[in-house]
Every structure is written in structure tokens, then in C-alpha cells.
Amino acid sequence: MVNVDCAGGQDRNTTTSETQPYTPPRKTKNCYTSKDGGAYFDSSLCGSSGDRACRGVGGILACKPDNYGGYCKNRNRYYVSQGSRFIELTREKLLDRYSSEGNTDGTGREVRRVLNDQERKFTNRIRELQIMGKDPLVKRSGSKKEDDSGVNSFASDLFTKIGIGISVIFFIISVCIILIQNKII
């Protein structure tokens, strides 16, 4: 199968829908106008000279993807679609678009989604181990066994804490890697 890129380097196979061929990729939706504007999206035209991204304001190469729907850049001027036409972004609108006080809901939503997905994977793994009879959760009883010496108790507690610490570090590193791959941080 051939990998075809739509405007802005968006892979047609992973960023568009087969059931909705006229819905542009999320990261470049502002490079296309509505159907009335003449620069509407059609997934069958991706990767061809017929791609209508940024038509009239720089063409296909002017389309730049970002987490806010993308934009068209033509000679240091920035445009986004609004209905059936393109409007120029003023410097103030461009700064508001990327300010920390502005549209951070998308980023927060992605972070929450990643964390929830990671928590779901951990919970599923714990349940799998419990079903197989290997309960990974340490059950503590109210009283200590009489044959436990102080050294054995100290050593087992130390190794448990080291294991938990390493697990937490791996979890944080994996979340950071996921966030970096999605260009969130």
C-alpha cells in the first residue's frame, strides 16, 4: 500500500476517514475552506496537484500543520479558513493562538487521554495477573510473623521501595516520550 501525504505532511491513511472523505485532517483543517469556497478538502486528491489546500493564499506548500488546525503561510503572512474564504491572522490573533492562556484545552485533553490510557493498561495488567493466580498487589496483614527477623524485613522493604521507585521513573519517562512524540511538550 502506498503512503500518500495530504497537505502539511498529513498521512492520508491515518489522519483521514474513509467514511468521511470530505473531512480534513485535524491538524490542517484551517488550510481548507467550506465546499462553497473552492478550497475544500477531498481525500482522493491528497498527494496530487489537485489538492486544494491554501488555494489562493500560497498553495499546497503553504499549509503548515499545528495543534490548532493549521494555517497557510505565504510571504510572512498567515491565513486561516473561515467559512468559504481565508482571513489573514493579525499579529495579535497569532499570539493569542499560541499563548499559554489561550487554547490549552486541546493539550490538556491530550495529556489526560494519555494518562488515562496508561492507567487503563496498568489496571488491565494487574487484572490479568490476578486471573492467572499471580497477585501483584502486596497484601499486608495487621500483625507481623514471628519468624521475620529485622534484617529480612528491612531488606524486603528496601527492595520493594526500590522496585516501586524504578516503576514510577519508567512511568514518568514513558509519559514524557509519548508527550514528545505527539509534540505536546
N, C-alpha and C. Protein backbone atom coordinates (compact mmCIF):
# COMPACT_ATOMS: atom_id res chain seq x y z
N MET A 1 0.84 -1.17 0.00
CA MET A 1 0.00 0.00 0.00
C MET A 1 0.89 1.24 0.00
N VAL A 2 0.53 2.23 -0.78
CA VAL A 2 1.30 3.45 -0.92
C VAL A 2 0.87 4.45 0.14
N ASN A 3 1.86 5.04 0.81
CA ASN A 3 1.55 6.09 1.78
C ASN A 3 1.45 7.41 1.04
N VAL A 4 0.30 8.04 1.10
CA VAL A 4 0.05 9.30 0.42
C VAL A 4 -0.08 10.39 1.47
N ASP A 5 0.65 11.48 1.27
CA ASP A 5 0.58 12.60 2.20
C ASP A 5 -0.33 13.68 1.64
N CYS A 6 -1.24 14.15 2.49
CA CYS A 6 -2.06 15.31 2.17
C CYS A 6 -1.23 16.55 2.49
N ALA A 7 -1.77 17.72 2.24
CA ALA A 7 -1.08 18.97 2.53
C ALA A 7 -0.65 19.01 3.99
N GLY A 8 0.50 19.59 4.25
CA GLY A 8 1.00 19.68 5.61
C GLY A 8 1.63 18.39 6.09
N GLY A 9 1.91 17.44 5.18
CA GLY A 9 2.55 16.19 5.56
C GLY A 9 1.66 15.25 6.33
N GLN A 10 0.35 15.38 6.19
CA GLN A 10 -0.60 14.53 6.92
C GLN A 10 -0.84 13.25 6.12
N ASP A 11 -0.57 12.11 6.74
CA ASP A 11 -0.73 10.81 6.10
C ASP A 11 -2.22 10.53 5.87
N ARG A 12 -2.58 10.30 4.64
CA ARG A 12 -3.98 10.08 4.30
C ARG A 12 -4.54 8.83 4.99
N ASN A 13 -3.72 7.81 5.15
CA ASN A 13 -4.20 6.55 5.72
C ASN A 13 -4.50 6.65 7.21
N THR A 14 -3.83 7.54 7.92
CA THR A 14 -4.01 7.60 9.37
C THR A 14 -4.71 8.85 9.86
N THR A 15 -4.77 9.92 9.06
CA THR A 15 -5.36 11.16 9.54
C THR A 15 -6.69 11.50 8.89
N THR A 16 -7.11 10.73 7.89
CA THR A 16 -8.40 10.99 7.26
C THR A 16 -9.31 9.79 7.45
N SER A 17 -10.57 9.99 7.16
CA SER A 17 -11.56 8.94 7.36
C SER A 17 -12.05 8.44 6.00
N GLU A 18 -12.14 7.13 5.87
CA GLU A 18 -12.68 6.56 4.63
C GLU A 18 -14.17 6.81 4.52
N THR A 19 -14.85 6.89 5.66
CA THR A 19 -16.30 7.08 5.64
C THR A 19 -16.68 8.56 5.50
N GLN A 20 -15.73 9.46 5.79
CA GLN A 20 -15.98 10.90 5.64
C GLN A 20 -14.84 11.51 4.83
N PRO A 21 -14.83 11.29 3.51
CA PRO A 21 -13.70 11.72 2.69
C PRO A 21 -13.58 13.24 2.53
N TYR A 22 -14.58 14.00 2.95
CA TYR A 22 -14.52 15.45 2.81
C TYR A 22 -14.23 16.15 4.14
N THR A 23 -13.81 15.39 5.14
CA THR A 23 -13.41 15.96 6.43
C THR A 23 -11.89 15.98 6.47
N PRO A 24 -11.29 17.19 6.55
CA PRO A 24 -9.82 17.29 6.52
C PRO A 24 -9.19 16.78 7.81
N PRO A 25 -7.88 16.49 7.76
CA PRO A 25 -7.18 16.08 8.98
C PRO A 25 -7.27 17.17 10.04
N ARG A 26 -7.27 16.77 11.29
CA ARG A 26 -7.43 17.70 12.41
C ARG A 26 -6.35 18.77 12.43
N LYS A 27 -5.11 18.42 12.11
CA LYS A 27 -4.01 19.38 12.21
C LYS A 27 -3.91 20.33 11.02
N THR A 28 -4.71 20.11 9.97
CA THR A 28 -4.66 21.02 8.81
C THR A 28 -6.05 21.47 8.36
N LYS A 29 -7.03 21.40 9.24
CA LYS A 29 -8.39 21.75 8.83
C LYS A 29 -8.54 23.22 8.44
N ASN A 30 -7.68 24.11 8.97
CA ASN A 30 -7.76 25.53 8.61
C ASN A 30 -7.10 25.85 7.28
N CYS A 31 -6.52 24.87 6.62
CA CYS A 31 -5.95 25.06 5.29
C CYS A 31 -7.00 24.87 4.20
N TYR A 32 -8.21 24.48 4.59
CA TYR A 32 -9.28 24.22 3.64
C TYR A 32 -10.51 25.06 3.98
N THR A 33 -11.20 25.50 2.96
CA THR A 33 -12.44 26.25 3.18
C THR A 33 -13.62 25.29 3.13
N SER A 34 -14.82 25.84 3.34
CA SER A 34 -16.02 25.01 3.19
C SER A 34 -16.23 24.74 1.70
N LYS A 35 -17.17 23.92 1.37
CA LYS A 35 -17.41 23.49 -0.01
C LYS A 35 -17.66 24.68 -0.95
N ASP A 36 -18.25 25.76 -0.43
CA ASP A 36 -18.56 26.92 -1.27
C ASP A 36 -17.31 27.69 -1.67
N GLY A 37 -16.22 27.57 -0.91
CA GLY A 37 -15.04 28.39 -1.12
C GLY A 37 -14.11 27.93 -2.21
N GLY A 38 -14.24 26.72 -2.71
CA GLY A 38 -13.36 26.25 -3.77
C GLY A 38 -12.07 25.61 -3.26
N ALA A 39 -11.74 25.76 -2.01
CA ALA A 39 -10.53 25.16 -1.44
C ALA A 39 -10.92 24.11 -0.42
N TYR A 40 -11.95 23.35 -0.73
CA TYR A 40 -12.43 22.34 0.21
C TYR A 40 -11.60 21.08 0.12
N PHE A 41 -11.69 20.25 1.14
CA PHE A 41 -10.90 19.04 1.25
C PHE A 41 -11.57 17.87 0.54
N ASP A 42 -10.77 17.08 -0.14
CA ASP A 42 -11.22 15.84 -0.76
C ASP A 42 -10.06 14.85 -0.62
N SER A 43 -10.25 13.80 0.17
CA SER A 43 -9.14 12.88 0.46
C SER A 43 -8.62 12.18 -0.79
N SER A 44 -9.43 12.06 -1.81
CA SER A 44 -8.96 11.40 -3.04
C SER A 44 -7.95 12.26 -3.79
N LEU A 45 -7.87 13.54 -3.47
CA LEU A 45 -6.93 14.44 -4.14
C LEU A 45 -5.62 14.60 -3.38
N CYS A 46 -5.50 13.97 -2.22
CA CYS A 46 -4.27 14.08 -1.42
C CYS A 46 -3.08 13.56 -2.22
N GLY A 47 -1.97 14.26 -2.13
CA GLY A 47 -0.75 13.84 -2.81
C GLY A 47 -0.73 14.16 -4.28
N SER A 48 -1.74 14.83 -4.79
CA SER A 48 -1.78 15.18 -6.20
C SER A 48 -1.75 16.70 -6.35
N SER A 49 -1.58 17.14 -7.58
CA SER A 49 -1.58 18.59 -7.83
C SER A 49 -2.97 19.17 -7.69
N GLY A 50 -3.99 18.33 -7.57
CA GLY A 50 -5.36 18.81 -7.41
C GLY A 50 -5.75 19.10 -5.97
N ASP A 51 -4.83 18.84 -5.01
CA ASP A 51 -5.13 19.13 -3.61
C ASP A 51 -5.42 20.62 -3.47
N ARG A 52 -6.50 20.96 -2.82
CA ARG A 52 -6.97 22.35 -2.77
C ARG A 52 -6.53 23.13 -1.53
N ALA A 53 -5.59 22.62 -0.79
CA ALA A 53 -5.15 23.30 0.44
C ALA A 53 -4.57 24.66 0.12
N CYS A 54 -4.98 25.66 0.89
CA CYS A 54 -4.48 27.04 0.78
C CYS A 54 -4.59 27.59 -0.64
N ARG A 55 -5.58 27.18 -1.35
CA ARG A 55 -5.77 27.66 -2.72
C ARG A 55 -6.05 29.16 -2.69
N GLY A 56 -5.22 29.90 -3.39
CA GLY A 56 -5.36 31.34 -3.46
C GLY A 56 -4.50 32.08 -2.45
N VAL A 57 -3.93 31.38 -1.49
CA VAL A 57 -3.06 32.03 -0.49
C VAL A 57 -1.74 31.28 -0.32
N GLY A 58 -1.23 30.71 -1.40
CA GLY A 58 0.08 30.07 -1.33
C GLY A 58 0.13 28.65 -1.83
N GLY A 59 -0.98 27.98 -1.94
CA GLY A 59 -0.99 26.62 -2.46
C GLY A 59 -0.65 25.57 -1.42
N ILE A 60 -0.47 24.35 -1.90
CA ILE A 60 -0.29 23.18 -1.02
C ILE A 60 0.91 23.35 -0.09
N LEU A 61 2.01 23.88 -0.58
CA LEU A 61 3.22 24.00 0.24
C LEU A 61 3.08 25.05 1.33
N ALA A 62 2.09 25.91 1.24
CA ALA A 62 1.88 26.95 2.26
C ALA A 62 1.18 26.40 3.50
N CYS A 63 0.60 25.21 3.41
CA CYS A 63 -0.15 24.63 4.53
C CYS A 63 0.81 24.12 5.60
N LYS A 64 0.66 24.64 6.81
CA LYS A 64 1.50 24.25 7.94
C LYS A 64 0.61 23.65 9.03
N PRO A 65 0.87 22.41 9.44
CA PRO A 65 0.05 21.78 10.48
C PRO A 65 0.41 22.27 11.87
N ASP A 66 -0.55 22.32 12.76
CA ASP A 66 -0.31 22.56 14.17
C ASP A 66 -1.48 22.03 14.97
N ASN A 67 -1.40 22.10 16.29
CA ASN A 67 -2.44 21.55 17.15
C ASN A 67 -3.72 22.36 17.16
N TYR A 68 -3.71 23.50 16.49
CA TYR A 68 -4.89 24.37 16.48
C TYR A 68 -5.58 24.37 15.12
N GLY A 69 -5.30 23.39 14.28
CA GLY A 69 -5.97 23.26 12.99
C GLY A 69 -5.15 23.72 11.81
N GLY A 70 -3.94 24.14 12.02
CA GLY A 70 -3.06 24.53 10.93
C GLY A 70 -3.33 25.94 10.42
N TYR A 71 -2.51 26.36 9.45
CA TYR A 71 -2.64 27.68 8.86
C TYR A 71 -1.92 27.67 7.52
N CYS A 72 -2.13 28.72 6.73
CA CYS A 72 -1.43 28.89 5.47
C CYS A 72 -0.43 30.02 5.64
N LYS A 73 0.82 29.79 5.28
CA LYS A 73 1.86 30.82 5.39
C LYS A 73 2.33 31.18 3.99
N ASN A 74 2.18 32.46 3.64
CA ASN A 74 2.59 32.95 2.34
C ASN A 74 3.30 34.27 2.53
N ARG A 75 4.62 34.29 2.30
CA ARG A 75 5.44 35.50 2.41
C ARG A 75 5.24 36.20 3.75
N ASN A 76 5.47 35.51 4.83
CA ASN A 76 5.35 36.05 6.20
C ASN A 76 3.95 36.58 6.52
N ARG A 77 2.96 36.09 5.85
CA ARG A 77 1.56 36.39 6.16
C ARG A 77 0.88 35.06 6.45
N TYR A 78 0.02 35.07 7.43
CA TYR A 78 -0.62 33.84 7.90
C TYR A 78 -2.12 33.93 7.67
N TYR A 79 -2.69 32.84 7.16
CA TYR A 79 -4.11 32.79 6.85
C TYR A 79 -4.74 31.54 7.45
N VAL A 80 -6.00 31.66 7.83
CA VAL A 80 -6.80 30.50 8.24
C VAL A 80 -8.14 30.61 7.54
N SER A 81 -8.76 29.46 7.34
CA SER A 81 -10.06 29.47 6.67
C SER A 81 -11.15 29.88 7.65
N GLN A 82 -12.10 30.60 7.12
CA GLN A 82 -13.28 30.97 7.90
C GLN A 82 -14.45 30.86 6.94
N GLY A 83 -15.14 29.74 7.05
CA GLY A 83 -16.25 29.50 6.12
C GLY A 83 -15.73 29.24 4.73
N SER A 84 -16.14 30.07 3.78
CA SER A 84 -15.79 29.84 2.38
C SER A 84 -14.63 30.72 1.93
N ARG A 85 -13.92 31.36 2.85
CA ARG A 85 -12.80 32.22 2.45
C ARG A 85 -11.67 32.11 3.48
N PHE A 86 -10.53 32.68 3.10
CA PHE A 86 -9.40 32.73 4.01
C PHE A 86 -9.28 34.13 4.59
N ILE A 87 -9.00 34.20 5.88
CA ILE A 87 -8.78 35.50 6.51
C ILE A 87 -7.34 35.55 7.01
N GLU A 88 -6.76 36.74 6.97
CA GLU A 88 -5.39 36.90 7.42
C GLU A 88 -5.38 37.02 8.94
N LEU A 89 -4.43 36.33 9.56
CA LEU A 89 -4.27 36.41 11.00
C LEU A 89 -3.40 37.63 11.32
N THR A 90 -3.90 38.51 12.15
CA THR A 90 -3.09 39.63 12.59
C THR A 90 -2.08 39.12 13.61
N ARG A 91 -1.11 39.95 13.94
CA ARG A 91 -0.10 39.54 14.92
C ARG A 91 -0.74 39.22 16.26
N GLU A 92 -1.75 40.00 16.64
CA GLU A 92 -2.41 39.77 17.92
C GLU A 92 -3.13 38.42 17.93
N LYS A 93 -3.83 38.12 16.83
CA LYS A 93 -4.54 36.84 16.76
C LYS A 93 -3.56 35.66 16.74
N LEU A 94 -2.44 35.87 16.07
CA LEU A 94 -1.43 34.82 16.02
C LEU A 94 -0.82 34.57 17.40
N LEU A 95 -0.56 35.65 18.15
CA LEU A 95 -0.03 35.49 19.50
C LEU A 95 -1.07 34.87 20.43
N ASP A 96 -2.33 35.28 20.30
CA ASP A 96 -3.39 34.69 21.11
C ASP A 96 -3.54 33.20 20.84
N ARG A 97 -3.32 32.83 19.60
CA ARG A 97 -3.45 31.44 19.18
C ARG A 97 -2.46 30.54 19.92
N TYR A 98 -1.27 31.03 20.19
CA TYR A 98 -0.23 30.22 20.82
C TYR A 98 0.07 30.64 22.25
N SER A 99 -0.69 31.56 22.81
CA SER A 99 -0.40 31.98 24.17
C SER A 99 -0.74 30.87 25.16
N SER A 100 -0.10 30.91 26.32
CA SER A 100 -0.35 29.88 27.33
C SER A 100 -1.73 30.05 27.94
N GLU A 101 -2.30 31.26 27.83
CA GLU A 101 -3.63 31.49 28.39
C GLU A 101 -4.71 31.13 27.38
N GLY A 102 -4.34 30.96 26.12
CA GLY A 102 -5.32 30.73 25.06
C GLY A 102 -5.83 29.31 25.01
N ASN A 103 -5.72 28.69 23.87
CA ASN A 103 -6.30 27.37 23.62
C ASN A 103 -5.43 26.26 24.19
N THR A 104 -5.49 26.04 25.47
CA THR A 104 -4.72 24.96 26.07
C THR A 104 -5.59 23.74 26.34
N ASP A 105 -6.87 23.84 26.08
CA ASP A 105 -7.76 22.71 26.34
C ASP A 105 -7.37 21.49 25.53
N GLY A 106 -6.93 21.70 24.27
CA GLY A 106 -6.54 20.57 23.43
C GLY A 106 -5.36 19.83 24.02
N THR A 107 -4.38 20.57 24.48
CA THR A 107 -3.20 19.95 25.07
C THR A 107 -3.57 19.23 26.36
N GLY A 108 -4.33 19.89 27.22
CA GLY A 108 -4.75 19.27 28.48
C GLY A 108 -5.55 18.01 28.23
N ARG A 109 -6.41 18.06 27.22
CA ARG A 109 -7.24 16.90 26.88
C ARG A 109 -6.36 15.75 26.41
N GLU A 110 -5.33 16.06 25.60
CA GLU A 110 -4.43 15.00 25.12
C GLU A 110 -3.63 14.39 26.27
N VAL A 111 -3.18 15.23 27.18
CA VAL A 111 -2.42 14.72 28.34
C VAL A 111 -3.31 13.81 29.18
N ARG A 112 -4.54 14.27 29.45
CA ARG A 112 -5.46 13.44 30.24
C ARG A 112 -5.74 12.12 29.53
N ARG A 113 -5.89 12.17 28.22
CA ARG A 113 -6.16 10.96 27.45
C ARG A 113 -5.00 9.98 27.56
N VAL A 114 -3.77 10.49 27.45
CA VAL A 114 -2.59 9.63 27.55
C VAL A 114 -2.48 9.02 28.94
N LEU A 115 -2.68 9.84 29.97
CA LEU A 115 -2.60 9.34 31.34
C LEU A 115 -3.69 8.31 31.63
N ASN A 116 -4.91 8.56 31.16
CA ASN A 116 -5.99 7.59 31.35
C ASN A 116 -5.70 6.29 30.62
N ASP A 117 -5.11 6.39 29.43
CA ASP A 117 -4.77 5.19 28.66
C ASP A 117 -3.70 4.38 29.40
N GLN A 118 -2.70 5.07 29.96
CA GLN A 118 -1.64 4.39 30.71
C GLN A 118 -2.22 3.73 31.95
N GLU A 119 -3.11 4.42 32.66
CA GLU A 119 -3.72 3.85 33.86
C GLU A 119 -4.56 2.62 33.50
N ARG A 120 -5.27 2.69 32.38
CA ARG A 120 -6.07 1.55 31.93
C ARG A 120 -5.18 0.34 31.64
N LYS A 121 -4.02 0.58 31.01
CA LYS A 121 -3.10 -0.53 30.71
C LYS A 121 -2.56 -1.16 32.00
N PHE A 122 -2.21 -0.33 32.98
CA PHE A 122 -1.74 -0.87 34.26
C PHE A 122 -2.82 -1.68 34.95
N THR A 123 -4.03 -1.15 34.97
CA THR A 123 -5.14 -1.85 35.62
C THR A 123 -5.41 -3.18 34.92
N ASN A 124 -5.40 -3.19 33.60
CA ASN A 124 -5.63 -4.43 32.85
C ASN A 124 -4.54 -5.46 33.14
N ARG A 125 -3.30 -5.01 33.24
CA ARG A 125 -2.20 -5.94 33.52
C ARG A 125 -2.35 -6.54 34.93
N ILE A 126 -2.73 -5.72 35.89
CA ILE A 126 -2.95 -6.22 37.25
C ILE A 126 -4.06 -7.27 37.26
N ARG A 127 -5.15 -6.98 36.54
CA ARG A 127 -6.27 -7.93 36.48
C ARG A 127 -5.86 -9.24 35.81
N GLU A 128 -5.04 -9.15 34.75
CA GLU A 128 -4.57 -10.37 34.08
C GLU A 128 -3.76 -11.22 35.05
N LEU A 129 -2.85 -10.59 35.79
CA LEU A 129 -2.03 -11.34 36.73
C LEU A 129 -2.87 -11.95 37.85
N GLN A 130 -3.89 -11.24 38.31
CA GLN A 130 -4.76 -11.78 39.35
C GLN A 130 -5.53 -12.99 38.84
N ILE A 131 -5.98 -12.94 37.58
CA ILE A 131 -6.71 -14.06 36.99
C ILE A 131 -5.80 -15.28 36.87
N MET A 132 -4.52 -15.05 36.56
CA MET A 132 -3.57 -16.16 36.42
C MET A 132 -3.08 -16.66 37.78
N GLY A 133 -3.53 -16.05 38.86
CA GLY A 133 -3.15 -16.50 40.20
C GLY A 133 -1.86 -15.89 40.70
N LYS A 134 -1.36 -14.90 40.05
CA LYS A 134 -0.13 -14.21 40.47
C LYS A 134 -0.51 -12.80 40.88
N ASP A 135 -1.01 -12.67 42.08
CA ASP A 135 -1.49 -11.38 42.55
C ASP A 135 -0.31 -10.43 42.75
N PRO A 136 -0.21 -9.36 41.93
CA PRO A 136 0.92 -8.44 42.04
C PRO A 136 0.78 -7.44 43.19
N LEU A 137 -0.40 -7.32 43.74
CA LEU A 137 -0.62 -6.36 44.81
C LEU A 137 -0.22 -6.98 46.14
N VAL A 138 0.61 -6.26 46.89
CA VAL A 138 1.10 -6.75 48.17
C VAL A 138 -0.01 -6.58 49.20
N LYS A 139 -0.33 -7.69 49.88
CA LYS A 139 -1.35 -7.63 50.92
C LYS A 139 -0.65 -7.63 52.26
N ARG A 140 -0.93 -6.62 53.03
CA ARG A 140 -0.31 -6.50 54.35
C ARG A 140 -1.30 -6.93 55.41
N SER A 141 -0.80 -7.72 56.33
CA SER A 141 -1.65 -8.13 57.44
C SER A 141 -1.36 -7.22 58.62
N GLY A 142 -2.27 -7.22 59.56
CA GLY A 142 -2.13 -6.35 60.73
C GLY A 142 -0.99 -6.76 61.64
N SER A 143 -0.67 -8.04 61.73
CA SER A 143 0.40 -8.49 62.63
C SER A 143 1.55 -9.05 61.83
N LYS A 144 2.76 -8.88 62.36
CA LYS A 144 3.95 -9.41 61.70
C LYS A 144 4.16 -10.86 62.12
N LYS A 145 4.75 -11.62 61.24
CA LYS A 145 5.07 -13.00 61.57
C LYS A 145 6.19 -13.05 62.60
N GLU A 146 6.17 -14.06 63.44
CA GLU A 146 7.18 -14.15 64.49
C GLU A 146 8.54 -14.57 63.96
N ASP A 147 8.59 -15.28 62.82
CA ASP A 147 9.88 -15.74 62.32
C ASP A 147 10.58 -14.69 61.46
N ASP A 148 9.96 -13.55 61.26
CA ASP A 148 10.59 -12.47 60.50
C ASP A 148 11.63 -11.80 61.37
N SER A 149 12.85 -11.78 60.90
CA SER A 149 13.88 -11.06 61.66
C SER A 149 13.94 -9.63 61.14
N GLY A 150 14.57 -8.76 61.87
CA GLY A 150 14.66 -7.35 61.49
C GLY A 150 15.40 -7.15 60.19
N VAL A 151 16.44 -7.96 59.93
CA VAL A 151 17.25 -7.82 58.72
C VAL A 151 16.43 -8.20 57.49
N ASN A 152 15.71 -9.32 57.57
CA ASN A 152 14.89 -9.74 56.43
C ASN A 152 13.80 -8.73 56.13
N SER A 153 13.18 -8.21 57.14
CA SER A 153 12.13 -7.22 56.96
C SER A 153 12.70 -5.95 56.33
N PHE A 154 13.85 -5.50 56.81
CA PHE A 154 14.48 -4.30 56.27
C PHE A 154 14.85 -4.50 54.81
N ALA A 155 15.45 -5.65 54.48
CA ALA A 155 15.88 -5.92 53.11
C ALA A 155 14.69 -5.99 52.17
N SER A 156 13.63 -6.69 52.58
CA SER A 156 12.47 -6.80 51.69
C SER A 156 11.80 -5.44 51.49
N ASP A 157 11.72 -4.65 52.57
CA ASP A 157 11.15 -3.30 52.43
C ASP A 157 12.01 -2.44 51.50
N LEU A 158 13.33 -2.55 51.60
CA LEU A 158 14.23 -1.78 50.76
C LEU A 158 14.04 -2.14 49.29
N PHE A 159 14.02 -3.45 48.99
CA PHE A 159 13.85 -3.87 47.60
C PHE A 159 12.47 -3.48 47.06
N THR A 160 11.47 -3.54 47.90
CA THR A 160 10.13 -3.12 47.48
C THR A 160 10.12 -1.65 47.12
N LYS A 161 10.73 -0.83 47.95
CA LYS A 161 10.76 0.61 47.68
C LYS A 161 11.59 0.92 46.44
N ILE A 162 12.69 0.22 46.25
CA ILE A 162 13.50 0.42 45.03
C ILE A 162 12.68 0.03 43.80
N GLY A 163 11.97 -1.07 43.87
CA GLY A 163 11.15 -1.51 42.74
C GLY A 163 10.06 -0.51 42.42
N ILE A 164 9.41 0.00 43.44
CA ILE A 164 8.36 1.00 43.23
C ILE A 164 8.96 2.27 42.63
N GLY A 165 10.12 2.69 43.13
CA GLY A 165 10.78 3.88 42.61
C GLY A 165 11.14 3.73 41.15
N ILE A 166 11.70 2.58 40.78
CA ILE A 166 12.05 2.34 39.37
C ILE A 166 10.80 2.32 38.51
N SER A 167 9.73 1.72 38.99
CA SER A 167 8.48 1.69 38.24
C SER A 167 7.94 3.09 38.00
N VAL A 168 7.98 3.93 39.00
CA VAL A 168 7.50 5.31 38.87
C VAL A 168 8.35 6.07 37.86
N ILE A 169 9.67 5.88 37.92
CA ILE A 169 10.56 6.55 36.96
C ILE A 169 10.26 6.11 35.55
N PHE A 170 10.08 4.80 35.31
CA PHE A 170 9.74 4.31 33.98
C PHE A 170 8.40 4.87 33.52
N PHE A 171 7.44 4.97 34.42
CA PHE A 171 6.13 5.53 34.06
C PHE A 171 6.27 6.99 33.62
N ILE A 172 7.01 7.78 34.37
CA ILE A 172 7.19 9.19 34.02
C ILE A 172 7.94 9.32 32.70
N ILE A 173 8.97 8.51 32.49
CA ILE A 173 9.71 8.56 31.23
C ILE A 173 8.82 8.18 30.07
N SER A 174 7.98 7.15 30.23
CA SER A 174 7.10 6.74 29.13
C SER A 174 6.07 7.81 28.81
N VAL A 175 5.53 8.47 29.82
CA VAL A 175 4.58 9.56 29.58
C VAL A 175 5.27 10.70 28.86
N CYS A 176 6.50 11.05 29.27
CA CYS A 176 7.25 12.12 28.60
C CYS A 176 7.53 11.78 27.15
N ILE A 177 7.89 10.52 26.87
CA ILE A 177 8.15 10.11 25.49
C ILE A 177 6.89 10.22 24.65
N ILE A 178 5.78 9.81 25.20
CA ILE A 178 4.50 9.91 24.47
C ILE A 178 4.18 11.37 24.20
N LEU A 179 4.37 12.23 25.18
CA LEU A 179 4.08 13.65 25.00
C LEU A 179 5.00 14.28 23.97
N ILE A 180 6.27 13.88 23.96
CA ILE A 180 7.21 14.43 22.99
C ILE A 180 6.87 13.93 21.59
N GLN A 181 6.50 12.67 21.44
CA GLN A 181 6.13 12.14 20.13
C GLN A 181 4.90 12.84 19.57
N ASN A 182 3.98 13.22 20.42
CA ASN A 182 2.78 13.93 19.98
C ASN A 182 2.99 15.44 19.93
N LYS A 183 4.26 15.86 20.14
CA LYS A 183 4.64 17.27 20.08
C LYS A 183 3.81 18.13 21.01
N ILE A 184 3.53 17.60 22.20
CA ILE A 184 2.79 18.34 23.20
C ILE A 184 3.75 19.16 24.04
N ILE A 185 4.94 18.60 24.28
CA ILE A 185 5.95 19.36 25.00
C ILE A 185 7.21 19.42 24.18
